[in-house]
């Protein structure tokens, strides 16, 4: 299994969410904490890192997890696309899954831009509607954090509140046109791989590619 010196991956055992800690010098930034807060805190302490911010790819309960406990502990902001506000406020699905989601709305910084800069970390941001209205894909160097838009062999659900299959289909087309074959795709759930491999394994992407080739 490939490892990265500037990226640590944590997998929550309950929701199987991938949390990503990006590291640069003595600073770090966290994507989708889920319930990985304790191992994340231990890692930050052990490696003498400073957390500068938390980014959520979208606002569903499994990705939020203990985000706001971490934000309070480290005195950092939580970043979300502004289209995701109704998800966080009403449709995060924590209640439906009998999961307590504590949200501190004062610590959320909503943004609407194609770039996001937090400390020394700069991301290209792609708005990827479909799973939720404000789901995002983040690119840092050749790392692409795809949230619940695209997985190794599937895509995010579109049958939940405010999901939309047509929007998802457009987002998948954007995904294919936006990233390079050798970019590493780090999804919200499941295995990571380079885009060239995901194109071979993901039936939804293969369908779009075949339709495009036949036009």
N, C-alpha and C. Protein backbone atom coordinates (compact mmCIF):
# COMPACT_ATOMS: atom_id res chain seq x y z
N UNK A 1 0.84 -1.20 0.00
CA UNK A 1 0.00 0.00 0.00
C UNK A 1 0.87 1.25 0.00
N UNK A 2 0.56 2.19 -0.86
CA UNK A 2 1.34 3.41 -0.97
C UNK A 2 1.10 4.31 0.24
N UNK A 3 2.17 4.96 0.70
CA UNK A 3 2.05 5.94 1.77
C UNK A 3 2.64 7.26 1.31
N UNK A 4 2.25 8.33 1.99
CA UNK A 4 2.68 9.67 1.63
C UNK A 4 3.26 10.36 2.85
N UNK A 5 4.36 11.09 2.67
CA UNK A 5 4.99 11.78 3.78
C UNK A 5 4.17 12.97 4.25
N UNK A 6 3.38 13.54 3.36
CA UNK A 6 2.64 14.76 3.70
C UNK A 6 1.14 14.52 3.80
N UNK A 7 0.74 13.26 3.93
CA UNK A 7 -0.68 12.94 4.02
C UNK A 7 -0.88 11.73 4.91
N UNK A 8 -1.74 11.89 5.91
CA UNK A 8 -2.08 10.79 6.81
C UNK A 8 -3.57 10.50 6.66
N UNK A 9 -3.91 9.22 6.51
CA UNK A 9 -5.30 8.82 6.31
C UNK A 9 -5.80 8.06 7.54
N UNK A 10 -6.97 8.47 8.03
CA UNK A 10 -7.62 7.80 9.15
C UNK A 10 -8.97 7.26 8.66
N UNK A 11 -9.34 6.06 9.08
CA UNK A 11 -10.61 5.47 8.66
C UNK A 11 -11.46 5.20 9.89
N UNK A 12 -12.61 5.84 9.94
CA UNK A 12 -13.54 5.65 11.05
C UNK A 12 -14.18 4.26 10.96
N UNK A 13 -14.17 3.53 12.05
CA UNK A 13 -14.67 2.15 12.03
C UNK A 13 -16.18 2.06 11.98
N UNK A 14 -16.87 3.10 12.43
CA UNK A 14 -18.34 3.04 12.45
C UNK A 14 -18.93 3.40 11.10
N UNK A 15 -18.48 4.51 10.51
CA UNK A 15 -19.06 4.99 9.25
C UNK A 15 -18.17 4.69 8.04
N UNK A 16 -16.95 4.20 8.30
CA UNK A 16 -15.98 3.91 7.23
C UNK A 16 -15.68 5.14 6.40
N UNK A 17 -15.63 6.28 7.07
CA UNK A 17 -15.27 7.54 6.40
C UNK A 17 -13.76 7.71 6.42
N UNK A 18 -13.21 8.14 5.30
CA UNK A 18 -11.79 8.50 5.23
C UNK A 18 -11.60 9.94 5.68
N UNK A 19 -10.78 10.13 6.69
CA UNK A 19 -10.38 11.48 7.10
C UNK A 19 -8.95 11.69 6.64
N UNK A 20 -8.65 12.90 6.18
CA UNK A 20 -7.34 13.18 5.61
C UNK A 20 -6.68 14.34 6.35
N UNK A 21 -5.46 14.10 6.80
CA UNK A 21 -4.66 15.14 7.45
C UNK A 21 -3.50 15.47 6.52
N UNK A 22 -3.52 16.68 5.95
CA UNK A 22 -2.46 17.12 5.05
C UNK A 22 -1.42 17.87 5.88
N UNK A 23 -0.15 17.59 5.64
CA UNK A 23 0.92 18.12 6.48
C UNK A 23 1.90 18.91 5.63
N UNK A 24 2.25 20.08 6.13
CA UNK A 24 3.27 20.90 5.47
C UNK A 24 4.09 21.58 6.55
N UNK A 25 5.37 21.19 6.61
CA UNK A 25 6.26 21.66 7.68
C UNK A 25 5.64 21.28 9.03
N UNK A 26 5.36 22.25 9.87
CA UNK A 26 4.77 21.91 11.18
C UNK A 26 3.28 22.21 11.24
N UNK A 27 2.67 22.52 10.09
CA UNK A 27 1.24 22.79 10.05
C UNK A 27 0.49 21.62 9.42
N UNK A 28 -0.79 21.53 9.75
CA UNK A 28 -1.62 20.50 9.14
C UNK A 28 -3.04 21.02 8.96
N UNK A 29 -3.74 20.40 8.02
CA UNK A 29 -5.12 20.75 7.73
C UNK A 29 -5.91 19.46 7.61
N UNK A 30 -7.13 19.47 8.12
CA UNK A 30 -7.94 18.26 8.22
C UNK A 30 -9.15 18.32 7.30
N UNK A 31 -9.40 17.22 6.60
CA UNK A 31 -10.57 17.09 5.73
C UNK A 31 -11.46 15.97 6.26
N UNK A 32 -12.73 16.29 6.50
CA UNK A 32 -13.76 15.32 6.91
C UNK A 32 -13.35 14.50 8.15
N UNK A 33 -13.40 15.10 9.34
CA UNK A 33 -12.93 14.41 10.55
C UNK A 33 -13.70 13.15 10.92
N UNK A 34 -15.01 13.10 10.66
CA UNK A 34 -15.84 11.97 11.06
C UNK A 34 -15.66 11.71 12.56
N UNK A 35 -15.50 10.44 12.95
CA UNK A 35 -15.28 10.09 14.35
C UNK A 35 -13.82 9.73 14.62
N UNK A 36 -12.94 10.25 13.79
CA UNK A 36 -11.51 9.96 13.93
C UNK A 36 -10.79 10.96 14.82
N UNK A 37 -11.53 11.69 15.67
CA UNK A 37 -10.92 12.79 16.41
C UNK A 37 -9.81 12.34 17.36
N UNK A 38 -9.98 11.24 18.06
CA UNK A 38 -8.95 10.84 19.03
C UNK A 38 -7.64 10.42 18.36
N UNK A 39 -7.66 9.54 17.34
CA UNK A 39 -6.39 9.22 16.68
C UNK A 39 -5.78 10.43 15.97
N UNK A 40 -6.61 11.33 15.48
CA UNK A 40 -6.09 12.54 14.84
C UNK A 40 -5.38 13.41 15.87
N UNK A 41 -6.00 13.61 17.02
CA UNK A 41 -5.38 14.40 18.09
C UNK A 41 -4.06 13.77 18.53
N UNK A 42 -4.04 12.46 18.67
CA UNK A 42 -2.81 11.77 19.09
C UNK A 42 -1.70 11.97 18.06
N UNK A 43 -2.07 11.89 16.78
CA UNK A 43 -1.07 12.06 15.72
C UNK A 43 -0.52 13.49 15.71
N UNK A 44 -1.41 14.46 15.85
CA UNK A 44 -0.98 15.86 15.86
C UNK A 44 -0.03 16.12 17.03
N UNK A 45 -0.37 15.59 18.19
CA UNK A 45 0.47 15.78 19.37
C UNK A 45 1.81 15.09 19.20
N UNK A 46 1.78 13.85 18.74
CA UNK A 46 3.01 13.07 18.60
C UNK A 46 3.98 13.71 17.63
N UNK A 47 3.46 14.35 16.58
CA UNK A 47 4.32 14.91 15.55
C UNK A 47 4.48 16.44 15.68
N UNK A 48 4.00 16.98 16.79
CA UNK A 48 4.19 18.40 17.11
C UNK A 48 3.69 19.31 15.99
N UNK A 49 2.46 19.04 15.55
CA UNK A 49 1.87 19.80 14.45
C UNK A 49 0.89 20.84 14.97
N UNK A 50 0.64 21.82 14.13
CA UNK A 50 -0.36 22.85 14.43
C UNK A 50 -1.49 22.74 13.42
N UNK A 51 -2.70 22.46 13.91
CA UNK A 51 -3.87 22.39 13.02
C UNK A 51 -4.33 23.81 12.70
N UNK A 52 -4.49 24.10 11.39
CA UNK A 52 -4.85 25.46 10.98
C UNK A 52 -6.29 25.57 10.47
N UNK A 53 -6.97 24.45 10.26
CA UNK A 53 -8.34 24.52 9.79
C UNK A 53 -8.89 23.14 9.47
N UNK A 54 -10.22 23.09 9.34
CA UNK A 54 -10.93 21.87 8.99
C UNK A 54 -11.84 22.16 7.80
N UNK A 55 -11.81 21.31 6.80
CA UNK A 55 -12.67 21.46 5.63
C UNK A 55 -13.60 20.25 5.55
N UNK A 56 -14.88 20.51 5.33
CA UNK A 56 -15.84 19.44 5.09
C UNK A 56 -16.19 19.40 3.61
N UNK A 57 -16.07 18.23 3.00
CA UNK A 57 -16.45 18.12 1.59
C UNK A 57 -17.96 18.26 1.42
N UNK A 58 -18.72 17.91 2.46
CA UNK A 58 -20.16 18.14 2.49
C UNK A 58 -20.64 17.96 3.92
N UNK A 59 -21.94 18.19 4.15
CA UNK A 59 -22.43 18.30 5.51
C UNK A 59 -23.20 17.14 6.06
N UNK A 60 -23.03 15.93 5.55
CA UNK A 60 -23.72 14.78 6.12
C UNK A 60 -23.07 14.36 7.43
N UNK A 61 -23.90 13.78 8.29
CA UNK A 61 -23.50 13.46 9.67
C UNK A 61 -22.22 12.64 9.75
N UNK A 62 -22.04 11.68 8.83
CA UNK A 62 -20.89 10.78 8.94
C UNK A 62 -19.58 11.50 8.67
N UNK A 63 -19.62 12.55 7.87
CA UNK A 63 -18.41 13.32 7.59
C UNK A 63 -18.20 14.41 8.64
N UNK A 64 -19.29 14.93 9.19
CA UNK A 64 -19.16 15.90 10.27
C UNK A 64 -18.60 15.22 11.52
N UNK A 65 -19.25 14.15 11.97
CA UNK A 65 -18.77 13.43 13.14
C UNK A 65 -18.48 14.37 14.30
N UNK A 66 -17.25 14.35 14.77
CA UNK A 66 -16.82 15.19 15.89
C UNK A 66 -16.03 16.42 15.43
N UNK A 67 -16.36 16.90 14.26
CA UNK A 67 -15.68 18.07 13.70
C UNK A 67 -15.63 19.24 14.68
N UNK A 68 -16.75 19.56 15.26
CA UNK A 68 -16.82 20.79 16.04
C UNK A 68 -16.18 20.65 17.41
N UNK A 69 -16.05 19.43 17.90
CA UNK A 69 -15.23 19.21 19.09
C UNK A 69 -13.77 19.52 18.80
N UNK A 70 -13.31 19.06 17.63
CA UNK A 70 -11.93 19.35 17.23
C UNK A 70 -11.72 20.84 16.99
N UNK A 71 -12.70 21.48 16.34
CA UNK A 71 -12.58 22.91 16.06
C UNK A 71 -12.46 23.71 17.35
N UNK A 72 -13.23 23.32 18.34
CA UNK A 72 -13.17 24.01 19.63
C UNK A 72 -11.86 23.73 20.34
N UNK A 73 -11.41 22.49 20.30
CA UNK A 73 -10.17 22.10 20.99
C UNK A 73 -8.96 22.83 20.42
N UNK A 74 -8.93 22.97 19.08
CA UNK A 74 -7.77 23.59 18.43
C UNK A 74 -7.98 25.06 18.07
N UNK A 75 -9.17 25.58 18.35
CA UNK A 75 -9.49 26.98 18.06
C UNK A 75 -9.30 27.30 16.58
N UNK A 76 -9.91 26.47 15.73
CA UNK A 76 -9.82 26.68 14.29
C UNK A 76 -11.22 26.78 13.70
N UNK A 77 -11.30 27.26 12.47
CA UNK A 77 -12.56 27.39 11.75
C UNK A 77 -12.85 26.12 10.95
N UNK A 78 -14.13 25.97 10.64
CA UNK A 78 -14.60 24.87 9.79
C UNK A 78 -15.11 25.47 8.48
N UNK A 79 -14.62 24.97 7.35
CA UNK A 79 -14.93 25.55 6.05
C UNK A 79 -15.89 24.65 5.28
N UNK A 80 -16.95 25.30 4.75
CA UNK A 80 -17.98 24.61 3.97
C UNK A 80 -18.41 25.50 2.81
N UNK A 81 -18.78 24.89 1.70
CA UNK A 81 -19.35 25.67 0.61
C UNK A 81 -20.70 26.22 1.04
N UNK A 82 -21.01 27.44 0.65
CA UNK A 82 -22.23 28.09 1.14
C UNK A 82 -23.50 27.38 0.67
N UNK A 83 -23.44 26.63 -0.44
CA UNK A 83 -24.62 25.87 -0.89
C UNK A 83 -24.97 24.73 0.06
N UNK A 84 -24.05 24.43 0.96
CA UNK A 84 -24.25 23.30 1.87
C UNK A 84 -24.97 23.71 3.16
N UNK A 85 -25.29 24.97 3.28
CA UNK A 85 -25.92 25.46 4.51
C UNK A 85 -27.21 24.71 4.86
N UNK A 86 -28.14 24.47 3.93
CA UNK A 86 -29.36 23.74 4.31
C UNK A 86 -29.10 22.30 4.75
N UNK A 87 -28.05 21.69 4.22
CA UNK A 87 -27.70 20.34 4.65
C UNK A 87 -27.27 20.36 6.12
N UNK A 88 -26.39 21.27 6.46
CA UNK A 88 -25.89 21.34 7.83
C UNK A 88 -27.00 21.73 8.80
N UNK A 89 -27.87 22.61 8.36
CA UNK A 89 -28.90 23.11 9.27
C UNK A 89 -30.07 22.15 9.43
N UNK A 90 -30.34 21.32 8.39
CA UNK A 90 -31.56 20.50 8.46
C UNK A 90 -31.41 19.07 7.97
N UNK A 91 -30.60 18.83 6.97
CA UNK A 91 -30.61 17.54 6.30
C UNK A 91 -29.29 16.76 6.44
N UNK A 92 -28.65 16.89 7.60
CA UNK A 92 -27.40 16.15 7.79
C UNK A 92 -27.64 14.68 8.11
N UNK A 93 -28.88 14.31 8.43
CA UNK A 93 -29.31 12.92 8.65
C UNK A 93 -28.80 12.30 9.95
N UNK A 94 -28.27 13.13 10.83
CA UNK A 94 -27.84 12.59 12.12
C UNK A 94 -29.00 12.04 12.93
N UNK A 95 -30.12 12.77 12.96
CA UNK A 95 -31.28 12.32 13.72
C UNK A 95 -31.84 11.01 13.16
N UNK A 96 -31.91 10.92 11.84
CA UNK A 96 -32.46 9.73 11.21
C UNK A 96 -31.62 8.49 11.52
N UNK A 97 -30.33 8.69 11.70
CA UNK A 97 -29.43 7.57 11.98
C UNK A 97 -29.14 7.45 13.47
N UNK A 98 -29.89 8.23 14.27
CA UNK A 98 -29.73 8.20 15.72
C UNK A 98 -28.29 8.50 16.14
N UNK A 99 -27.73 9.49 15.46
CA UNK A 99 -26.38 9.95 15.75
C UNK A 99 -26.46 11.40 16.22
N UNK A 100 -25.88 11.68 17.36
CA UNK A 100 -25.89 13.04 17.88
C UNK A 100 -24.83 13.86 17.16
N UNK A 101 -25.26 14.91 16.45
CA UNK A 101 -24.34 15.79 15.73
C UNK A 101 -24.39 17.16 16.38
N UNK A 102 -23.32 17.52 17.03
CA UNK A 102 -23.22 18.83 17.67
C UNK A 102 -22.59 19.81 16.68
N UNK A 103 -23.35 20.82 16.28
CA UNK A 103 -22.86 21.77 15.28
C UNK A 103 -22.77 23.16 15.90
N UNK A 104 -21.58 23.73 15.82
CA UNK A 104 -21.36 25.11 16.27
C UNK A 104 -21.36 26.00 15.03
N UNK A 105 -22.50 26.60 14.75
CA UNK A 105 -22.63 27.39 13.52
C UNK A 105 -21.70 28.60 13.52
N UNK A 106 -21.30 29.06 14.67
CA UNK A 106 -20.41 30.24 14.75
C UNK A 106 -19.00 29.93 14.27
N UNK A 107 -18.64 28.66 14.26
CA UNK A 107 -17.29 28.31 13.84
C UNK A 107 -17.20 27.97 12.36
N UNK A 108 -18.34 28.01 11.66
CA UNK A 108 -18.35 27.69 10.23
C UNK A 108 -18.05 28.92 9.40
N UNK A 109 -17.13 28.76 8.47
CA UNK A 109 -16.86 29.80 7.47
C UNK A 109 -17.34 29.28 6.12
N UNK A 110 -18.43 29.85 5.63
CA UNK A 110 -18.94 29.46 4.32
C UNK A 110 -18.19 30.21 3.22
N UNK A 111 -17.92 29.53 2.14
CA UNK A 111 -17.20 30.16 1.03
C UNK A 111 -17.87 29.79 -0.29
N UNK A 112 -17.58 30.57 -1.29
CA UNK A 112 -18.10 30.32 -2.64
C UNK A 112 -17.03 30.79 -3.62
N UNK A 113 -16.05 29.95 -3.87
CA UNK A 113 -14.95 30.33 -4.74
C UNK A 113 -14.31 29.07 -5.31
N UNK A 114 -13.52 29.25 -6.34
CA UNK A 114 -12.83 28.12 -6.96
C UNK A 114 -11.47 27.87 -6.34
N UNK A 115 -11.11 28.67 -5.36
CA UNK A 115 -9.88 28.46 -4.61
C UNK A 115 -10.18 28.62 -3.12
N UNK A 116 -9.40 27.95 -2.31
CA UNK A 116 -9.54 28.05 -0.86
C UNK A 116 -8.14 28.03 -0.27
N UNK A 117 -7.81 29.08 0.46
CA UNK A 117 -6.49 29.18 1.09
C UNK A 117 -6.67 29.23 2.60
N UNK A 118 -6.05 28.30 3.28
CA UNK A 118 -6.10 28.23 4.73
C UNK A 118 -4.67 28.06 5.22
N UNK A 119 -4.15 29.05 5.92
CA UNK A 119 -2.75 29.00 6.33
C UNK A 119 -1.86 28.91 5.12
N UNK A 120 -0.99 27.90 5.08
CA UNK A 120 -0.09 27.69 3.95
C UNK A 120 -0.62 26.67 2.95
N UNK A 121 -1.90 26.33 3.08
CA UNK A 121 -2.50 25.33 2.20
C UNK A 121 -3.43 26.01 1.18
N UNK A 122 -3.20 25.74 -0.09
CA UNK A 122 -4.01 26.32 -1.16
C UNK A 122 -4.66 25.19 -1.96
N UNK A 123 -5.98 25.29 -2.13
CA UNK A 123 -6.74 24.27 -2.83
C UNK A 123 -7.46 24.84 -4.04
N UNK A 124 -7.52 24.05 -5.11
CA UNK A 124 -8.49 24.30 -6.17
C UNK A 124 -9.78 23.62 -5.75
N UNK A 125 -10.90 24.32 -5.91
CA UNK A 125 -12.19 23.82 -5.45
C UNK A 125 -13.13 23.64 -6.64
N UNK A 126 -13.70 22.46 -6.76
CA UNK A 126 -14.70 22.19 -7.78
C UNK A 126 -16.03 21.91 -7.08
N UNK A 127 -17.03 22.74 -7.36
CA UNK A 127 -18.38 22.49 -6.83
C UNK A 127 -18.95 21.30 -7.57
N UNK A 128 -19.31 20.26 -6.80
CA UNK A 128 -19.78 19.00 -7.40
C UNK A 128 -21.15 18.67 -6.85
N UNK A 129 -22.18 19.28 -7.42
CA UNK A 129 -23.55 19.02 -6.98
C UNK A 129 -23.97 17.60 -7.34
N UNK A 130 -24.94 17.10 -6.60
CA UNK A 130 -25.49 15.79 -6.92
C UNK A 130 -25.77 15.01 -5.67
N UNK A 131 -24.73 14.68 -4.92
CA UNK A 131 -24.92 14.03 -3.63
C UNK A 131 -25.56 15.01 -2.66
N UNK A 132 -25.05 16.22 -2.65
CA UNK A 132 -25.63 17.36 -1.94
C UNK A 132 -25.46 18.59 -2.82
N UNK A 133 -26.15 19.70 -2.52
CA UNK A 133 -26.03 20.88 -3.38
C UNK A 133 -24.72 21.64 -3.25
N UNK A 134 -24.01 21.41 -2.15
CA UNK A 134 -22.77 22.15 -1.94
C UNK A 134 -21.57 21.27 -1.71
N UNK A 135 -21.65 20.02 -2.19
CA UNK A 135 -20.50 19.13 -2.09
C UNK A 135 -19.36 19.65 -2.94
N UNK A 136 -18.14 19.46 -2.46
CA UNK A 136 -16.99 19.96 -3.19
C UNK A 136 -15.94 18.87 -3.39
N UNK A 137 -15.11 19.09 -4.39
CA UNK A 137 -13.91 18.30 -4.61
C UNK A 137 -12.73 19.25 -4.48
N UNK A 138 -11.75 18.83 -3.70
CA UNK A 138 -10.58 19.68 -3.42
C UNK A 138 -9.34 19.08 -4.07
N UNK A 139 -8.53 19.94 -4.68
CA UNK A 139 -7.25 19.47 -5.22
C UNK A 139 -6.11 20.22 -4.56
N UNK A 140 -5.16 19.44 -4.05
CA UNK A 140 -3.94 19.97 -3.44
C UNK A 140 -2.77 19.22 -4.06
N UNK A 141 -1.90 19.96 -4.78
CA UNK A 141 -0.85 19.32 -5.58
C UNK A 141 -1.53 18.33 -6.54
N UNK A 142 -1.14 17.06 -6.50
CA UNK A 142 -1.85 16.09 -7.37
C UNK A 142 -2.73 15.16 -6.53
N UNK A 143 -3.18 15.66 -5.38
CA UNK A 143 -4.12 14.95 -4.53
C UNK A 143 -5.52 15.53 -4.75
N UNK A 144 -6.47 14.68 -5.05
CA UNK A 144 -7.85 15.11 -5.29
C UNK A 144 -8.74 14.44 -4.25
N UNK A 145 -9.36 15.25 -3.40
CA UNK A 145 -10.22 14.75 -2.34
C UNK A 145 -11.67 14.87 -2.82
N UNK A 146 -12.27 13.73 -3.14
CA UNK A 146 -13.53 13.74 -3.89
C UNK A 146 -14.78 13.61 -3.03
N UNK A 147 -14.62 13.53 -1.70
CA UNK A 147 -15.79 13.43 -0.85
C UNK A 147 -16.68 12.26 -1.24
N UNK A 148 -17.99 12.51 -1.27
CA UNK A 148 -18.93 11.46 -1.68
C UNK A 148 -19.44 11.67 -3.10
N UNK A 149 -18.66 12.34 -3.92
CA UNK A 149 -19.02 12.46 -5.33
C UNK A 149 -18.61 11.22 -6.09
N UNK A 150 -17.35 10.83 -5.96
CA UNK A 150 -16.84 9.71 -6.73
C UNK A 150 -16.04 8.79 -5.83
N UNK A 151 -16.31 7.48 -5.95
CA UNK A 151 -15.54 6.45 -5.25
C UNK A 151 -14.80 5.62 -6.29
N UNK A 152 -14.04 4.66 -5.80
CA UNK A 152 -13.26 3.83 -6.71
C UNK A 152 -14.14 3.15 -7.75
N UNK A 153 -15.27 2.59 -7.30
CA UNK A 153 -16.11 1.85 -8.24
C UNK A 153 -17.58 2.25 -8.17
N UNK A 154 -17.86 3.44 -7.62
CA UNK A 154 -19.25 3.88 -7.52
C UNK A 154 -19.29 5.40 -7.37
N UNK A 155 -20.49 5.92 -7.09
CA UNK A 155 -20.68 7.35 -6.86
C UNK A 155 -21.54 7.54 -5.61
N UNK A 156 -21.63 8.77 -5.16
CA UNK A 156 -22.46 9.07 -4.00
C UNK A 156 -23.94 8.96 -4.31
N UNK A 157 -24.72 8.67 -3.28
CA UNK A 157 -26.17 8.55 -3.44
C UNK A 157 -26.77 9.89 -3.88
N UNK A 158 -27.81 9.79 -4.69
CA UNK A 158 -28.52 11.00 -5.12
C UNK A 158 -29.99 10.98 -4.70
N UNK A 159 -30.37 9.96 -3.93
CA UNK A 159 -31.77 9.83 -3.53
C UNK A 159 -32.05 10.42 -2.15
N UNK A 160 -31.05 11.02 -1.50
CA UNK A 160 -31.25 11.68 -0.22
C UNK A 160 -31.76 13.10 -0.46
N UNK A 161 -32.23 13.74 0.61
CA UNK A 161 -32.80 15.08 0.48
C UNK A 161 -31.81 16.05 -0.16
N UNK A 162 -32.27 16.77 -1.17
CA UNK A 162 -31.51 17.76 -1.94
C UNK A 162 -30.46 17.12 -2.85
N UNK A 163 -30.47 15.79 -2.95
CA UNK A 163 -29.63 15.14 -3.95
C UNK A 163 -30.29 15.23 -5.32
N UNK A 164 -29.49 15.06 -6.37
CA UNK A 164 -30.04 15.20 -7.72
C UNK A 164 -29.16 14.43 -8.69
N UNK A 165 -29.75 13.42 -9.36
CA UNK A 165 -28.94 12.59 -10.25
C UNK A 165 -28.43 13.37 -11.46
N UNK A 166 -29.26 14.24 -12.02
CA UNK A 166 -28.82 15.03 -13.18
C UNK A 166 -27.64 15.92 -12.82
N UNK A 167 -27.70 16.51 -11.62
CA UNK A 167 -26.58 17.32 -11.16
C UNK A 167 -25.33 16.45 -10.98
N UNK A 168 -25.52 15.26 -10.43
CA UNK A 168 -24.40 14.36 -10.25
C UNK A 168 -23.76 14.00 -11.58
N UNK A 169 -24.58 13.75 -12.58
CA UNK A 169 -24.06 13.39 -13.89
C UNK A 169 -23.21 14.52 -14.47
N UNK A 170 -23.65 15.76 -14.28
CA UNK A 170 -22.87 16.91 -14.74
C UNK A 170 -21.57 17.03 -13.95
N UNK A 171 -21.64 16.73 -12.66
CA UNK A 171 -20.43 16.80 -11.83
C UNK A 171 -19.41 15.75 -12.24
N UNK A 172 -19.90 14.57 -12.63
CA UNK A 172 -18.98 13.52 -13.08
C UNK A 172 -18.30 13.92 -14.38
N UNK A 173 -19.03 14.60 -15.25
CA UNK A 173 -18.42 15.09 -16.49
C UNK A 173 -17.36 16.14 -16.19
N UNK A 174 -17.65 17.03 -15.24
CA UNK A 174 -16.66 18.01 -14.81
C UNK A 174 -15.44 17.33 -14.21
N UNK A 175 -15.69 16.33 -13.41
CA UNK A 175 -14.61 15.57 -12.78
C UNK A 175 -13.66 15.00 -13.84
N UNK A 176 -14.22 14.41 -14.87
CA UNK A 176 -13.39 13.80 -15.92
C UNK A 176 -12.59 14.84 -16.70
N UNK A 177 -13.14 16.02 -16.85
CA UNK A 177 -12.46 17.04 -17.64
C UNK A 177 -11.50 17.89 -16.81
N UNK A 178 -11.62 17.79 -15.50
CA UNK A 178 -10.90 18.72 -14.62
C UNK A 178 -9.57 18.17 -14.12
N UNK A 179 -9.43 16.85 -14.08
CA UNK A 179 -8.26 16.26 -13.42
C UNK A 179 -7.45 15.41 -14.39
N UNK A 180 -6.21 15.14 -13.98
CA UNK A 180 -5.25 14.45 -14.84
C UNK A 180 -5.20 12.96 -14.54
N UNK A 181 -4.74 12.19 -15.52
CA UNK A 181 -4.70 10.74 -15.38
C UNK A 181 -3.88 10.29 -14.17
N UNK A 182 -2.80 11.01 -13.86
CA UNK A 182 -1.93 10.59 -12.76
C UNK A 182 -2.28 11.24 -11.43
N UNK A 183 -3.37 12.01 -11.37
CA UNK A 183 -3.82 12.55 -10.09
C UNK A 183 -4.29 11.40 -9.20
N UNK A 184 -4.01 11.53 -7.91
CA UNK A 184 -4.48 10.54 -6.93
C UNK A 184 -5.84 10.98 -6.41
N UNK A 185 -6.80 10.09 -6.47
CA UNK A 185 -8.16 10.39 -6.02
C UNK A 185 -8.36 9.78 -4.63
N UNK A 186 -8.68 10.64 -3.67
CA UNK A 186 -8.91 10.21 -2.29
C UNK A 186 -10.38 10.43 -1.96
N UNK A 187 -11.18 9.38 -1.96
CA UNK A 187 -12.63 9.52 -1.78
C UNK A 187 -13.03 9.57 -0.31
N UNK A 188 -14.30 9.91 -0.08
CA UNK A 188 -14.82 9.95 1.27
C UNK A 188 -14.94 8.57 1.89
N UNK A 189 -15.08 7.54 1.07
CA UNK A 189 -15.17 6.16 1.53
C UNK A 189 -14.39 5.28 0.56
N UNK A 190 -13.76 4.26 1.06
CA UNK A 190 -13.14 3.27 0.19
C UNK A 190 -11.72 3.61 -0.22
N UNK A 191 -11.25 2.85 -1.22
CA UNK A 191 -9.85 2.89 -1.61
C UNK A 191 -9.50 4.11 -2.45
N UNK A 192 -8.24 4.53 -2.33
CA UNK A 192 -7.72 5.58 -3.19
C UNK A 192 -7.00 4.96 -4.38
N UNK A 193 -6.91 5.73 -5.45
CA UNK A 193 -6.25 5.25 -6.66
C UNK A 193 -6.01 6.42 -7.59
N UNK A 194 -5.16 6.22 -8.56
CA UNK A 194 -4.98 7.26 -9.58
C UNK A 194 -6.19 7.26 -10.51
N UNK A 195 -6.43 8.41 -11.11
CA UNK A 195 -7.61 8.57 -11.95
C UNK A 195 -7.63 7.58 -13.10
N UNK A 196 -6.49 7.29 -13.66
CA UNK A 196 -6.45 6.35 -14.79
C UNK A 196 -7.03 4.99 -14.41
N UNK A 197 -6.82 4.57 -13.15
CA UNK A 197 -7.37 3.30 -12.69
C UNK A 197 -8.86 3.41 -12.39
N UNK A 198 -9.28 4.53 -11.83
CA UNK A 198 -10.69 4.71 -11.52
C UNK A 198 -11.53 4.74 -12.79
N UNK A 199 -10.98 5.30 -13.84
CA UNK A 199 -11.69 5.30 -15.12
C UNK A 199 -11.98 3.89 -15.60
N UNK A 200 -11.12 2.94 -15.26
CA UNK A 200 -11.30 1.55 -15.67
C UNK A 200 -12.27 0.81 -14.76
N UNK A 201 -12.34 1.22 -13.50
CA UNK A 201 -13.09 0.44 -12.51
C UNK A 201 -14.47 1.00 -12.21
N UNK A 202 -14.71 2.27 -12.51
CA UNK A 202 -15.96 2.91 -12.12
C UNK A 202 -16.96 2.86 -13.28
N UNK A 203 -18.06 2.13 -13.14
CA UNK A 203 -19.00 1.97 -14.26
C UNK A 203 -19.69 3.27 -14.64
N UNK A 204 -19.88 4.19 -13.70
CA UNK A 204 -20.53 5.46 -14.01
C UNK A 204 -19.63 6.33 -14.89
N UNK A 205 -18.35 6.33 -14.57
CA UNK A 205 -17.42 7.09 -15.41
C UNK A 205 -17.24 6.42 -16.76
N UNK A 206 -17.18 5.10 -16.77
CA UNK A 206 -17.02 4.40 -18.05
C UNK A 206 -18.21 4.67 -18.97
N UNK A 207 -19.40 4.76 -18.39
CA UNK A 207 -20.59 5.03 -19.19
C UNK A 207 -20.51 6.41 -19.82
N UNK A 208 -20.07 7.41 -19.06
CA UNK A 208 -19.93 8.76 -19.60
C UNK A 208 -18.87 8.80 -20.68
N UNK A 209 -17.75 8.12 -20.43
CA UNK A 209 -16.65 8.10 -21.42
C UNK A 209 -17.11 7.42 -22.71
N UNK A 210 -17.84 6.32 -22.60
CA UNK A 210 -18.33 5.61 -23.80
C UNK A 210 -19.32 6.46 -24.58
N UNK A 211 -20.21 7.15 -23.89
CA UNK A 211 -21.18 8.00 -24.56
C UNK A 211 -20.49 9.16 -25.27
N UNK A 212 -19.47 9.71 -24.63
CA UNK A 212 -18.73 10.82 -25.23
C UNK A 212 -17.98 10.35 -26.48
N UNK A 213 -17.39 9.17 -26.40
CA UNK A 213 -16.64 8.62 -27.55
C UNK A 213 -17.54 8.33 -28.73
N UNK A 214 -18.81 8.02 -28.45
CA UNK A 214 -19.77 7.66 -29.52
C UNK A 214 -20.51 8.85 -30.10
N UNK A 215 -20.32 10.01 -29.53
CA UNK A 215 -21.02 11.20 -30.04
C UNK A 215 -20.37 11.72 -31.31
